[in-house]
Amino acid sequence: DLGELRLPLEEHPSFTAFFVRRLADGARRFPSEAALLPSPCDGTL
């Protein structure tokens, strides 16, 4: 999903940089309740 990128594609100088791309602010949200355990990453369970 390229719509989540923080930086334009051209600002990733290598494939490694693109692979560890940062997300735009607000693309992921964590719950505020301390008793809940959120996933630390994207992926498939």
Full PDB file with SEQRES, HELIX, SHEET, SSBOND, CRYST1, ORIGX, SCALE, CONECT and MASTER records, all heavy atoms in Angstrom:
SEQRES   1 A   45  ASP LEU GLY GLU LEU ARG LEU PRO LEU GLU GLU HIS PRO          
SEQRES   2 A   45  SER PHE THR ALA PHE PHE VAL ARG ARG LEU ALA ASP GLY          
SEQRES   3 A   45  ALA ARG ARG PHE PRO SER GLU ALA ALA LEU LEU PRO SER          
SEQRES   4 A   45  PRO CYS ASP GLY THR LEU                                      
HELIX    1 AA1 LEU A    2  GLU A    4  5                                   3    
HELIX    2 AA2 LEU A    9  GLU A   11  5                                   3    
HELIX    3 AA3 PHE A   15  PHE A   19  1                                   5    
CRYST1    1.000    1.000    1.000  90.00  90.00  90.00 P 1           1          
ORIGX1      1.000000  0.000000  0.000000        0.00000                         
ORIGX2      0.000000  1.000000  0.000000        0.00000                         
ORIGX3      0.000000  0.000000  1.000000        0.00000                         
SCALE1      1.000000  0.000000  0.000000        0.00000                         
SCALE2      0.000000  1.000000  0.000000        0.00000                         
SCALE3      0.000000  0.000000  1.000000        0.00000                         
ATOM      1  N   ASP A   1       0.851  -1.186   0.000  1.00  0.00           N  
ATOM      2  CA  ASP A   1       0.000   0.000   0.000  1.00  0.00           C  
ATOM      3  C   ASP A   1       0.896   1.247   0.000  1.00  0.00           C  
ATOM      4  O   ASP A   1       1.407   1.662   1.040  1.00  0.00           O  
ATOM      5  CB  ASP A   1      -0.901   0.001   1.232  1.00  0.00           C  
ATOM      6  CG  ASP A   1      -1.887   1.170   1.232  1.00  0.00           C  
ATOM      7  OD1 ASP A   1      -1.800   2.026   0.329  1.00  0.00           O  
ATOM      8  OD2 ASP A   1      -2.725   1.227   2.146  1.00  0.00           O  
ATOM      9  N   LEU A   2       1.074   1.847  -1.153  1.00  0.00           N  
ATOM     10  CA  LEU A   2       1.953   3.011  -1.266  1.00  0.00           C  
ATOM     11  C   LEU A   2       1.324   4.266  -0.668  1.00  0.00           C  
ATOM     12  O   LEU A   2       2.027   5.257  -0.432  1.00  0.00           O  
ATOM     13  CB  LEU A   2       2.306   3.261  -2.734  1.00  0.00           C  
ATOM     14  CG  LEU A   2       3.151   2.172  -3.400  1.00  0.00           C  
ATOM     15  CD1 LEU A   2       3.430   2.535  -4.851  1.00  0.00           C  
ATOM     16  CD2 LEU A   2       4.457   1.958  -2.647  1.00  0.00           C  
ATOM     17  N   GLY A   3       0.035   4.231  -0.394  1.00  0.00           N  
ATOM     18  CA  GLY A   3      -0.626   5.378   0.204  1.00  0.00           C  
ATOM     19  C   GLY A   3      -0.226   5.608   1.647  1.00  0.00           C  
ATOM     20  O   GLY A   3      -0.545   6.657   2.224  1.00  0.00           O  
ATOM     21  N   GLU A   4       0.477   4.640   2.253  1.00  0.00           N  
ATOM     22  CA  GLU A   4       0.871   4.751   3.659  1.00  0.00           C  
ATOM     23  C   GLU A   4       2.258   5.359   3.852  1.00  0.00           C  
ATOM     24  O   GLU A   4       2.668   5.622   4.982  1.00  0.00           O  
ATOM     25  CB  GLU A   4       0.860   3.369   4.312  1.00  0.00           C  
ATOM     26  CG  GLU A   4      -0.492   2.704   4.346  1.00  0.00           C  
ATOM     27  CD  GLU A   4      -0.432   1.345   5.022  1.00  0.00           C  
ATOM     28  OE1 GLU A   4       0.639   0.698   4.957  1.00  0.00           O  
ATOM     29  OE2 GLU A   4      -1.454   0.947   5.613  1.00  0.00           O  
ATOM     30  N   LEU A   5       2.989   5.577   2.773  1.00  0.00           N  
ATOM     31  CA  LEU A   5       4.374   6.025   2.901  1.00  0.00           C  
ATOM     32  C   LEU A   5       4.477   7.438   3.464  1.00  0.00           C  
ATOM     33  O   LEU A   5       3.692   8.321   3.096  1.00  0.00           O  
ATOM     34  CB  LEU A   5       5.085   5.981   1.548  1.00  0.00           C  
ATOM     35  CG  LEU A   5       5.790   4.667   1.196  1.00  0.00           C  
ATOM     36  CD1 LEU A   5       4.810   3.535   1.048  1.00  0.00           C  
ATOM     37  CD2 LEU A   5       6.629   4.850  -0.054  1.00  0.00           C  
ATOM     38  N   ARG A   6       5.466   7.641   4.315  1.00  0.00           N  
ATOM     39  CA  ARG A   6       5.735   8.979   4.842  1.00  0.00           C  
ATOM     40  C   ARG A   6       6.441   9.841   3.802  1.00  0.00           C  
ATOM     41  O   ARG A   6       6.165  11.034   3.684  1.00  0.00           O  
ATOM     42  CB  ARG A   6       6.588   8.883   6.110  1.00  0.00           C  
ATOM     43  CG  ARG A   6       6.945  10.237   6.702  1.00  0.00           C  
ATOM     44  CD  ARG A   6       7.799  10.101   7.943  1.00  0.00           C  
ATOM     45  NE  ARG A   6       7.104   9.372   9.001  1.00  0.00           N  
ATOM     46  CZ  ARG A   6       7.620   9.154  10.205  1.00  0.00           C  
ATOM     47  NH1 ARG A   6       8.849   9.581  10.485  1.00  0.00           N  
ATOM     48  NH2 ARG A   6       6.933   8.489  11.110  1.00  0.00           N  
ATOM     49  N   LEU A   7       7.372   9.248   3.043  1.00  0.00           N  
ATOM     50  CA  LEU A   7       8.171   9.983   2.073  1.00  0.00           C  
ATOM     51  C   LEU A   7       7.798   9.585   0.652  1.00  0.00           C  
ATOM     52  O   LEU A   7       7.323   8.469   0.416  1.00  0.00           O  
ATOM     53  CB  LEU A   7       9.666   9.701   2.300  1.00  0.00           C  
ATOM     54  CG  LEU A   7      10.247  10.074   3.656  1.00  0.00           C  
ATOM     55  CD1 LEU A   7      11.706   9.601   3.738  1.00  0.00           C  
ATOM     56  CD2 LEU A   7      10.162  11.572   3.899  1.00  0.00           C  
ATOM     57  N   PRO A   8       8.026  10.457  -0.321  1.00  0.00           N  
ATOM     58  CA  PRO A   8       7.815  10.078  -1.722  1.00  0.00           C  
ATOM     59  C   PRO A   8       8.727   8.916  -2.101  1.00  0.00           C  
ATOM     60  O   PRO A   8       9.799   8.726  -1.516  1.00  0.00           O  
ATOM     61  CB  PRO A   8       8.192  11.355  -2.482  1.00  0.00           C  
ATOM     62  CG  PRO A   8       8.071  12.463  -1.489  1.00  0.00           C  
ATOM     63  CD  PRO A   8       8.436  11.868  -0.167  1.00  0.00           C  
ATOM     64  N   LEU A   9       8.323   8.154  -3.096  1.00  0.00           N  
ATOM     65  CA  LEU A   9       9.114   7.008  -3.531  1.00  0.00           C  
ATOM     66  C   LEU A   9      10.542   7.404  -3.878  1.00  0.00           C  
ATOM     67  O   LEU A   9      11.492   6.678  -3.569  1.00  0.00           O  
ATOM     68  CB  LEU A   9       8.462   6.351  -4.747  1.00  0.00           C  
ATOM     69  CG  LEU A   9       7.186   5.550  -4.507  1.00  0.00           C  
ATOM     70  CD1 LEU A   9       6.640   5.036  -5.827  1.00  0.00           C  
ATOM     71  CD2 LEU A   9       7.436   4.398  -3.551  1.00  0.00           C  
ATOM     72  N   GLU A  10      10.716   8.559  -4.488  1.00  0.00           N  
ATOM     73  CA  GLU A  10      12.038   8.979  -4.949  1.00  0.00           C  
ATOM     74  C   GLU A  10      13.005   9.256  -3.800  1.00  0.00           C  
ATOM     75  O   GLU A  10      14.213   9.361  -4.020  1.00  0.00           O  
ATOM     76  CB  GLU A  10      11.912  10.235  -5.814  1.00  0.00           C  
ATOM     77  CG  GLU A  10      11.220  10.007  -7.148  1.00  0.00           C  
ATOM     78  CD  GLU A  10       9.714   9.802  -7.018  1.00  0.00           C  
ATOM     79  OE1 GLU A  10       9.141  10.191  -5.972  1.00  0.00           O  
ATOM     80  OE2 GLU A  10       9.103   9.245  -7.945  1.00  0.00           O  
ATOM     81  N   GLU A  11      12.483   9.384  -2.582  1.00  0.00           N  
ATOM     82  CA  GLU A  11      13.334   9.666  -1.424  1.00  0.00           C  
ATOM     83  C   GLU A  11      13.883   8.398  -0.772  1.00  0.00           C  
ATOM     84  O   GLU A  11      14.505   8.467   0.282  1.00  0.00           O  
ATOM     85  CB  GLU A  11      12.553  10.480  -0.390  1.00  0.00           C  
ATOM     86  CG  GLU A  11      12.124  11.847  -0.884  1.00  0.00           C  
ATOM     87  CD  GLU A  11      13.301  12.678  -1.359  1.00  0.00           C  
ATOM     88  OE1 GLU A  11      14.336  12.700  -0.666  1.00  0.00           O  
ATOM     89  OE2 GLU A  11      13.188  13.294  -2.446  1.00  0.00           O  
ATOM     90  N   HIS A  12      13.666   7.229  -1.383  1.00  0.00           N  
ATOM     91  CA  HIS A  12      14.210   5.966  -0.885  1.00  0.00           C  
ATOM     92  C   HIS A  12      15.356   5.565  -1.813  1.00  0.00           C  
ATOM     93  O   HIS A  12      15.133   5.038  -2.896  1.00  0.00           O  
ATOM     94  CB  HIS A  12      13.124   4.884  -0.857  1.00  0.00           C  
ATOM     95  CG  HIS A  12      11.964   5.240   0.042  1.00  0.00           C  
ATOM     96  ND1 HIS A  12      10.929   6.035  -0.377  1.00  0.00           N  
ATOM     97  CD2 HIS A  12      11.702   4.900   1.333  1.00  0.00           C  
ATOM     98  CE1 HIS A  12      10.061   6.177   0.618  1.00  0.00           C  
ATOM     99  NE2 HIS A  12      10.512   5.513   1.654  1.00  0.00           N  
ATOM    100  N   PRO A  13      16.606   5.826  -1.412  1.00  0.00           N  
ATOM    101  CA  PRO A  13      17.743   5.689  -2.333  1.00  0.00           C  
ATOM    102  C   PRO A  13      18.102   4.263  -2.719  1.00  0.00           C  
ATOM    103  O   PRO A  13      18.800   4.046  -3.703  1.00  0.00           O  
ATOM    104  CB  PRO A  13      18.893   6.345  -1.560  1.00  0.00           C  
ATOM    105  CG  PRO A  13      18.496   6.242  -0.126  1.00  0.00           C  
ATOM    106  CD  PRO A  13      17.008   6.372  -0.111  1.00  0.00           C  
ATOM    107  N   SER A  14      17.658   3.282  -1.962  1.00  0.00           N  
ATOM    108  CA  SER A  14      17.984   1.888  -2.271  1.00  0.00           C  
ATOM    109  C   SER A  14      16.772   1.025  -1.983  1.00  0.00           C  
ATOM    110  O   SER A  14      15.812   1.450  -1.335  1.00  0.00           O  
ATOM    111  CB  SER A  14      19.165   1.406  -1.413  1.00  0.00           C  
ATOM    112  OG  SER A  14      18.781   1.367  -0.039  1.00  0.00           O  
ATOM    113  N   PHE A  15      16.832  -0.225  -2.472  1.00  0.00           N  
ATOM    114  CA  PHE A  15      15.722  -1.133  -2.197  1.00  0.00           C  
ATOM    115  C   PHE A  15      15.614  -1.407  -0.700  1.00  0.00           C  
ATOM    116  O   PHE A  15      14.516  -1.555  -0.166  1.00  0.00           O  
ATOM    117  CB  PHE A  15      15.907  -2.438  -2.965  1.00  0.00           C  
ATOM    118  CG  PHE A  15      14.671  -3.294  -2.946  1.00  0.00           C  
ATOM    119  CD1 PHE A  15      13.609  -3.005  -3.771  1.00  0.00           C  
ATOM    120  CD2 PHE A  15      14.559  -4.361  -2.076  1.00  0.00           C  
ATOM    121  CE1 PHE A  15      12.459  -3.780  -3.751  1.00  0.00           C  
ATOM    122  CE2 PHE A  15      13.420  -5.136  -2.032  1.00  0.00           C  
ATOM    123  CZ  PHE A  15      12.364  -4.849  -2.873  1.00  0.00           C  
ATOM    124  N   THR A  16      16.754  -1.459   0.006  1.00  0.00           N  
ATOM    125  CA  THR A  16      16.708  -1.645   1.456  1.00  0.00           C  
ATOM    126  C   THR A  16      15.956  -0.494   2.110  1.00  0.00           C  
ATOM    127  O   THR A  16      15.120  -0.702   3.003  1.00  0.00           O  
ATOM    128  CB  THR A  16      18.128  -1.736   2.035  1.00  0.00           C  
ATOM    129  OG1 THR A  16      18.777  -2.899   1.512  1.00  0.00           O  
ATOM    130  CG2 THR A  16      18.100  -1.841   3.554  1.00  0.00           C  
ATOM    131  N   ALA A  17      16.247   0.734   1.697  1.00  0.00           N  
ATOM    132  CA  ALA A  17      15.566   1.896   2.260  1.00  0.00           C  
ATOM    133  C   ALA A  17      14.070   1.834   1.999  1.00  0.00           C  
ATOM    134  O   ALA A  17      13.258   2.185   2.869  1.00  0.00           O  
ATOM    135  CB  ALA A  17      16.150   3.181   1.677  1.00  0.00           C  
ATOM    136  N   PHE A  18      13.674   1.383   0.806  1.00  0.00           N  
ATOM    137  CA  PHE A  18      12.250   1.233   0.521  1.00  0.00           C  
ATOM    138  C   PHE A  18      11.632   0.125   1.372  1.00  0.00           C  
ATOM    139  O   PHE A  18      10.517   0.255   1.864  1.00  0.00           O  
ATOM    140  CB  PHE A  18      12.039   0.932  -0.966  1.00  0.00           C  
ATOM    141  CG  PHE A  18      10.612   0.628  -1.322  1.00  0.00           C  
ATOM    142  CD1 PHE A  18       9.658   1.623  -1.314  1.00  0.00           C  
ATOM    143  CD2 PHE A  18      10.217  -0.664  -1.648  1.00  0.00           C  
ATOM    144  CE1 PHE A  18       8.332   1.357  -1.630  1.00  0.00           C  
ATOM    145  CE2 PHE A  18       8.905  -0.950  -1.967  1.00  0.00           C  
ATOM    146  CZ  PHE A  18       7.953   0.060  -1.959  1.00  0.00           C  
ATOM    147  N   PHE A  19      12.393  -0.949   1.559  1.00  0.00           N  
ATOM    148  CA  PHE A  19      11.854  -2.081   2.289  1.00  0.00           C  
ATOM    149  C   PHE A  19      11.577  -1.726   3.748  1.00  0.00           C  
ATOM    150  O   PHE A  19      10.633  -2.244   4.351  1.00  0.00           O  
ATOM    151  CB  PHE A  19      12.827  -3.259   2.216  1.00  0.00           C  
ATOM    152  CG  PHE A  19      12.157  -4.581   2.405  1.00  0.00           C  
ATOM    153  CD1 PHE A  19      11.510  -5.195   1.345  1.00  0.00           C  
ATOM    154  CD2 PHE A  19      12.152  -5.212   3.626  1.00  0.00           C  
ATOM    155  CE1 PHE A  19      10.870  -6.411   1.517  1.00  0.00           C  
ATOM    156  CE2 PHE A  19      11.520  -6.425   3.801  1.00  0.00           C  
ATOM    157  CZ  PHE A  19      10.876  -7.027   2.740  1.00  0.00           C  
ATOM    158  N   VAL A  20      12.404  -0.862   4.349  1.00  0.00           N  
ATOM    159  CA  VAL A  20      12.200  -0.472   5.745  1.00  0.00           C  
ATOM    160  C   VAL A  20      11.583   0.930   5.798  1.00  0.00           C  
ATOM    161  O   VAL A  20      11.792   1.676   6.757  1.00  0.00           O  
ATOM    162  CB  VAL A  20      13.500  -0.553   6.565  1.00  0.00           C  
ATOM    163  CG1 VAL A  20      14.001  -1.978   6.614  1.00  0.00           C  
ATOM    164  CG2 VAL A  20      14.589   0.370   6.004  1.00  0.00           C  
ATOM    165  N   ARG A  21      10.814   1.256   4.780  1.00  0.00           N  
ATOM    166  CA  ARG A  21      10.139   2.556   4.678  1.00  0.00           C  
ATOM    167  C   ARG A  21       9.358   2.878   5.954  1.00  0.00           C  
ATOM    168  O   ARG A  21       8.802   1.994   6.610  1.00  0.00           O  
ATOM    169  CB  ARG A  21       9.176   2.524   3.488  1.00  0.00           C  
ATOM    170  CG  ARG A  21       8.125   1.422   3.624  1.00  0.00           C  
ATOM    171  CD  ARG A  21       7.443   1.117   2.311  1.00  0.00           C  
ATOM    172  NE  ARG A  21       6.514  -0.014   2.426  1.00  0.00           N  
ATOM    173  CZ  ARG A  21       6.897  -1.289   2.254  1.00  0.00           C  
ATOM    174  NH1 ARG A  21       8.153  -1.570   1.959  1.00  0.00           N  
ATOM    175  NH2 ARG A  21       6.006  -2.255   2.361  1.00  0.00           N  
ATOM    176  N   ARG A  22       9.307   4.148   6.269  1.00  0.00           N  
ATOM    177  CA  ARG A  22       8.509   4.590   7.404  1.00  0.00           C  
ATOM    178  C   ARG A  22       7.098   4.931   6.929  1.00  0.00           C  
ATOM    179  O   ARG A  22       6.891   5.332   5.775  1.00  0.00           O  
ATOM    180  CB  ARG A  22       9.150   5.794   8.086  1.00  0.00           C  
ATOM    181  CG  ARG A  22      10.470   5.450   8.771  1.00  0.00           C  
ATOM    182  CD  ARG A  22      10.995   6.608   9.579  1.00  0.00           C  
ATOM    183  NE  ARG A  22      12.247   6.278  10.238  1.00  0.00           N  
ATOM    184  CZ  ARG A  22      12.340   5.649  11.407  1.00  0.00           C  
ATOM    185  NH1 ARG A  22      11.237   5.277  12.042  1.00  0.00           N  
ATOM    186  NH2 ARG A  22      13.519   5.394  11.944  1.00  0.00           N  
ATOM    187  N   LEU A  23       6.144   4.798   7.843  1.00  0.00           N  
ATOM    188  CA  LEU A  23       4.752   5.066   7.519  1.00  0.00           C  
ATOM    189  C   LEU A  23       4.383   6.507   7.860  1.00  0.00           C  
ATOM    190  O   LEU A  23       4.976   7.130   8.743  1.00  0.00           O  
ATOM    191  CB  LEU A  23       3.834   4.118   8.287  1.00  0.00           C  
ATOM    192  CG  LEU A  23       4.015   2.622   8.026  1.00  0.00           C  
ATOM    193  CD1 LEU A  23       2.995   1.833   8.839  1.00  0.00           C  
ATOM    194  CD2 LEU A  23       3.897   2.293   6.549  1.00  0.00           C  
ATOM    195  N   ALA A  24       3.385   7.007   7.167  1.00  0.00           N  
ATOM    196  CA  ALA A  24       2.862   8.335   7.467  1.00  0.00           C  
ATOM    197  C   ALA A  24       2.266   8.351   8.870  1.00  0.00           C  
ATOM    198  O   ALA A  24       1.784   7.328   9.377  1.00  0.00           O  
ATOM    199  CB  ALA A  24       1.804   8.717   6.437  1.00  0.00           C  
ATOM    200  N   ASP A  25       2.305   9.498   9.508  1.00  0.00           N  
ATOM    201  CA  ASP A  25       1.704   9.633  10.830  1.00  0.00           C  
ATOM    202  C   ASP A  25       0.231   9.241  10.771  1.00  0.00           C  
ATOM    203  O   ASP A  25      -0.497   9.658   9.860  1.00  0.00           O  
ATOM    204  CB  ASP A  25       1.827  11.079  11.326  1.00  0.00           C  
ATOM    205  CG  ASP A  25       3.268  11.485  11.607  1.00  0.00           C  
ATOM    206  OD1 ASP A  25       4.108  10.566  11.756  1.00  0.00           O  
ATOM    207  OD2 ASP A  25       3.550  12.689  11.665  1.00  0.00           O  
ATOM    208  N   GLY A  26      -0.190   8.424  11.723  1.00  0.00           N  
ATOM    209  CA  GLY A  26      -1.585   8.002  11.787  1.00  0.00           C  
ATOM    210  C   GLY A  26      -1.916   6.770  10.982  1.00  0.00           C  
ATOM    211  O   GLY A  26      -3.066   6.296  11.018  1.00  0.00           O  
ATOM    212  N   ALA A  27      -0.929   6.218  10.249  1.00  0.00           N  
ATOM    213  CA  ALA A  27      -1.207   5.028   9.443  1.00  0.00           C  
ATOM    214  C   ALA A  27      -1.493   3.812  10.310  1.00  0.00           C  
ATOM    215  O   ALA A  27      -2.167   2.875   9.876  1.00  0.00           O  
ATOM    216  CB  ALA A  27      -0.041   4.744   8.505  1.00  0.00           C  
ATOM    217  N   ARG A  28      -0.939   3.781  11.516  1.00  0.00           N  
ATOM    218  CA  ARG A  28      -1.219   2.715  12.482  1.00  0.00           C  
ATOM    219  C   ARG A  28      -1.563   3.355  13.819  1.00  0.00           C  
ATOM    220  O   ARG A  28      -0.960   4.354  14.205  1.00  0.00           O  
ATOM    221  CB  ARG A  28      -0.008   1.787  12.666  1.00  0.00           C  
ATOM    222  CG  ARG A  28       0.452   1.087  11.412  1.00  0.00           C  
ATOM    223  CD  ARG A  28      -0.506  -0.012  10.995  1.00  0.00           C  
ATOM    224  NE  ARG A  28       0.014  -0.722   9.840  1.00  0.00           N  
ATOM    225  CZ  ARG A  28      -0.119  -0.319   8.581  1.00  0.00           C  
ATOM    226  NH1 ARG A  28      -0.736   0.820   8.310  1.00  0.00           N  
ATOM    227  NH2 ARG A  28       0.371  -1.034   7.579  1.00  0.00           N  
ATOM    228  N   ARG A  29      -2.501   2.760  14.540  1.00  0.00           N  
ATOM    229  CA  ARG A  29      -2.900   3.300  15.838  1.00  0.00           C  
ATOM    230  C   ARG A  29      -2.839   2.193  16.894  1.00  0.00           C  
ATOM    231  O   ARG A  29      -3.237   1.062  16.636  1.00  0.00           O  
ATOM    232  CB  ARG A  29      -4.308   3.890  15.781  1.00  0.00           C  
ATOM    233  CG  ARG A  29      -4.410   5.093  14.841  1.00  0.00           C  
ATOM    234  CD  ARG A  29      -5.772   5.765  14.934  1.00  0.00           C  
ATOM    235  NE  ARG A  29      -5.874   6.884  14.020  1.00  0.00           N  
ATOM    236  CZ  ARG A  29      -5.423   8.103  14.280  1.00  0.00           C  
ATOM    237  NH1 ARG A  29      -4.821   8.337  15.429  1.00  0.00           N  
ATOM    238  NH2 ARG A  29      -5.553   9.083  13.399  1.00  0.00           N  
ATOM    239  N   PHE A  30      -2.340   2.547  18.060  1.00  0.00           N  
ATOM    240  CA  PHE A  30      -2.271   1.623  19.178  1.00  0.00           C  
ATOM    241  C   PHE A  30      -3.395   1.931  20.162  1.00  0.00           C  
ATOM    242  O   PHE A  30      -3.756   3.094  20.337  1.00  0.00           O  
ATOM    243  CB  PHE A  30      -0.919   1.738  19.893  1.00  0.00           C  
ATOM    244  CG  PHE A  30       0.211   1.070  19.173  1.00  0.00           C  
ATOM    245  CD1 PHE A  30       0.795   1.657  18.066  1.00  0.00           C  
ATOM    246  CD2 PHE A  30       0.688  -0.166  19.591  1.00  0.00           C  
ATOM    247  CE1 PHE A  30       1.830   1.040  17.389  1.00  0.00           C  
ATOM    248  CE2 PHE A  30       1.719  -0.801  18.924  1.00  0.00           C  
ATOM    249  CZ  PHE A  30       2.290  -0.193  17.815  1.00  0.00           C  
ATOM    250  N   PRO A  31      -3.940   0.903  20.816  1.00  0.00           N  
ATOM    251  CA  PRO A  31      -4.997   1.159  21.809  1.00  0.00           C  
ATOM    252  C   PRO A  31      -4.443   1.927  23.003  1.00  0.00           C  
ATOM    253  O   PRO A  31      -3.274   1.787  23.360  1.00  0.00           O  
ATOM    254  CB  PRO A  31      -5.446  -0.251  22.206  1.00  0.00           C  
ATOM    255  CG  PRO A  31      -4.249  -1.112  21.937  1.00  0.00           C  
ATOM    256  CD  PRO A  31      -3.588  -0.516  20.731  1.00  0.00           C  
ATOM    257  N   SER A  32      -5.287   2.731  23.618  1.00  0.00           N  
ATOM    258  CA  SER A  32      -4.852   3.517  24.778  1.00  0.00           C  
ATOM    259  C   SER A  32      -4.947   2.733  26.082  1.00  0.00           C  
ATOM    260  O   SER A  32      -4.261   3.051  27.050  1.00  0.00           O  
ATOM    261  CB  SER A  32      -5.693   4.797  24.883  1.00  0.00           C  
ATOM    262  OG  SER A  32      -7.072   4.480  24.999  1.00  0.00           O  
ATOM    263  N   GLU A  33      -5.781   1.680  26.116  1.00  0.00           N  
ATOM    264  CA  GLU A  33      -5.970   0.917  27.353  1.00  0.00           C  
ATOM    265  C   GLU A  33      -4.733   0.078  27.646  1.00  0.00           C  
ATOM    266  O   GLU A  33      -4.329  -0.762  26.841  1.00  0.00           O  
ATOM    267  CB  GLU A  33      -7.193  -0.002  27.251  1.00  0.00           C  
ATOM    268  CG  GLU A  33      -8.504   0.737  27.054  1.00  0.00           C  
ATOM    269  CD  GLU A  33      -8.812   0.993  25.591  1.00  0.00           C  
ATOM    270  OE1 GLU A  33      -7.871   0.925  24.759  1.00  0.00           O  
ATOM    271  OE2 GLU A  33      -9.979   1.262  25.271  1.00  0.00           O  
ATOM    272  N   ALA A  34      -4.141   0.281  28.813  1.00  0.00           N  
ATOM    273  CA  ALA A  34      -2.885  -0.394  29.165  1.00  0.00           C  
ATOM    274  C   ALA A  34      -3.045  -1.902  29.263  1.00  0.00           C  
ATOM    275  O   ALA A  34      -2.074  -2.649  29.095  1.00  0.00           O  
ATOM    276  CB  ALA A  34      -2.360   0.159  30.485  1.00  0.00           C  
ATOM    277  N   ALA A  35      -4.256  -2.390  29.520  1.00  0.00           N  
ATOM    278  CA  ALA A  35      -4.466  -3.822  29.701  1.00  0.00           C  
ATOM    279  C   ALA A  35      -4.531  -4.585  28.382  1.00  0.00           C  
ATOM    280  O   ALA A  35      -4.532  -5.817  28.388  1.00  0.00           O  
ATOM    281  CB  ALA A  35      -5.762  -4.071  30.485  1.00  0.00           C  
ATOM    282  N   LEU A  36      -4.563  -3.888  27.254  1.00  0.00           N  
ATOM    283  CA  LEU A  36      -4.644  -4.546  25.954  1.00  0.00           C  
ATOM    284  C   LEU A  36      -3.255  -4.724  25.362  1.00  0.00           C  
ATOM    285  O   LEU A  36      -2.394  -3.862  25.493  1.00  0.00           O  
ATOM    286  CB  LEU A  36      -5.517  -3.727  25.004  1.00  0.00           C  
ATOM    287  CG  LEU A  36      -6.977  -3.544  25.425  1.00  0.00           C  
ATOM    288  CD1 LEU A  36      -7.714  -2.693  24.404  1.00  0.00           C  
ATOM    289  CD2 LEU A  36      -7.669  -4.885  25.615  1.00  0.00           C  
ATOM    290  N   LEU A  37      -3.045  -5.859  24.708  1.00  0.00           N  
ATOM    291  CA  LEU A  37      -1.777  -6.169  24.054  1.00  0.00           C  
ATOM    292  C   LEU A  37      -1.952  -6.059  22.548  1.00  0.00           C  
ATOM    293  O   LEU A  37      -2.626  -6.889  21.935  1.00  0.00           O  
ATOM    294  CB  LEU A  37      -1.310  -7.576  24.418  1.00  0.00           C  
ATOM    295  CG  LEU A  37      -0.020  -8.039  23.731  1.00  0.00           C  
ATOM    296  CD1 LEU A  37       1.186  -7.249  24.262  1.00  0.00           C  
ATOM    297  CD2 LEU A  37       0.204  -9.537  23.930  1.00  0.00           C  
ATOM    298  N   PRO A  38      -1.354  -5.057  21.913  1.00  0.00           N  
ATOM    299  CA  PRO A  38      -1.448  -4.932  20.461  1.00  0.00           C  
ATOM    300  C   PRO A  38      -0.329  -5.686  19.754  1.00  0.00           C  
ATOM    301  O   PRO A  38       0.716  -5.982  20.338  1.00  0.00           O  
ATOM    302  CB  PRO A  38      -1.310  -3.420  20.237  1.00  0.00           C  
ATOM    303  CG  PRO A  38      -0.435  -2.973  21.368  1.00  0.00           C  
ATOM    304  CD  PRO A  38      -0.721  -3.883  22.539  1.00  0.00           C  
ATOM    305  N   SER A  39      -0.536  -5.961  18.486  1.00  0.00           N  
ATOM    306  CA  SER A  39       0.510  -6.592  17.684  1.00  0.00           C  
ATOM    307  C   SER A  39       1.669  -5.614  17.500  1.00  0.00           C  
ATOM    308  O   SER A  39       1.452  -4.434  17.215  1.00  0.00           O  
ATOM    309  CB  SER A  39      -0.034  -7.002  16.322  1.00  0.00           C  
ATOM    310  OG  SER A  39       1.010  -7.457  15.485  1.00  0.00           O  
ATOM    311  N   PRO A  40       2.912  -6.098  17.601  1.00  0.00           N  
ATOM    312  CA  PRO A  40       4.061  -5.216  17.389  1.00  0.00           C  
ATOM    313  C   PRO A  40       4.400  -4.984  15.928  1.00  0.00           C  
ATOM    314  O   PRO A  40       5.284  -4.188  15.626  1.00  0.00           O  
ATOM    315  CB  PRO A  40       5.196  -5.982  18.078  1.00  0.00           C  
ATOM    316  CG  PRO A  40       4.810  -7.420  17.907  1.00  0.00           C  
ATOM    317  CD  PRO A  40       3.314  -7.449  18.018  1.00  0.00           C  
ATOM    318  N   CYS A  41       3.684  -5.668  15.016  1.00  0.00           N  
ATOM    319  CA  CYS A  41       4.062  -5.589  13.602  1.00  0.00           C  
ATOM    320  C   CYS A  41       2.882  -5.930  12.707  1.00  0.00           C  
ATOM    321  O   CYS A  41       1.864  -6.436  13.163  1.00  0.00           O  
ATOM    322  CB  CYS A  41       5.216  -6.544  13.313  1.00  0.00           C  
ATOM    323  SG  CYS A  41       4.809  -8.286  13.655  1.00  0.00           S  
ATOM    324  N   ASP A  42       3.050  -5.628  11.428  1.00  0.00           N  
ATOM    325  CA  ASP A  42       2.132  -6.111  10.402  1.00  0.00           C  
ATOM    326  C   ASP A  42       2.467  -7.571  10.105  1.00  0.00           C  
ATOM    327  O   ASP A  42       3.594  -8.016  10.329  1.00  0.00           O  
ATOM    328  CB  ASP A  42       2.306  -5.316   9.116  1.00  0.00           C  
ATOM    329  CG  ASP A  42       1.702  -3.927   9.183  1.00  0.00           C  
ATOM    330  OD1 ASP A  42       1.185  -3.541  10.250  1.00  0.00           O  
ATOM    331  OD2 ASP A  42       1.764  -3.207   8.163  1.00  0.00           O  
ATOM    332  N   GLY A  43       1.514  -8.294   9.550  1.00  0.00           N  
ATOM    333  CA  GLY A  43       1.809  -9.659   9.125  1.00  0.00           C  
ATOM    334  C   GLY A  43       0.583 -10.536   9.097  1.00  0.00           C  
ATOM    335  O   GLY A  43      -0.555 -10.061   9.126  1.00  0.00           O  
ATOM    336  N   THR A  44       0.836 -11.830   9.037  1.00  0.00           N  
ATOM    337  CA  THR A  44      -0.222 -12.845   9.031  1.00  0.00           C  
ATOM    338  C   THR A  44      -0.056 -13.726  10.255  1.00  0.00           C  
ATOM    339  O   THR A  44       1.046 -14.200  10.541  1.00  0.00           O  
ATOM    340  CB  THR A  44      -0.135 -13.705   7.761  1.00  0.00           C  
ATOM    341  OG1 THR A  44      -0.255 -12.864   6.611  1.00  0.00           O  
ATOM    342  CG2 THR A  44      -1.240 -14.751   7.735  1.00  0.00           C  
ATOM    343  N   LEU A  45      -1.131 -13.945  10.981  1.00  0.00           N  
ATOM    344  CA  LEU A  45      -1.075 -14.772  12.187  1.00  0.00           C  
ATOM    345  C   LEU A  45      -0.906 -16.238  11.796  1.00  0.00           C  
ATOM    346  O   LEU A  45      -1.787 -16.837  11.192  1.00  0.00           O  
ATOM    347  CB  LEU A  45      -2.358 -14.594  13.008  1.00  0.00           C  
ATOM    348  CG  LEU A  45      -2.378 -15.298  14.355  1.00  0.00           C  
ATOM    349  CD1 LEU A  45      -1.377 -14.665  15.319  1.00  0.00           C  
ATOM    350  CD2 LEU A  45      -3.778 -15.273  14.965  1.00  0.00           C  
TER     351      LEU A  45                                                      
MASTER        0    0    0    3    0    0    0    6  350    1    0    4          
END                                                                             
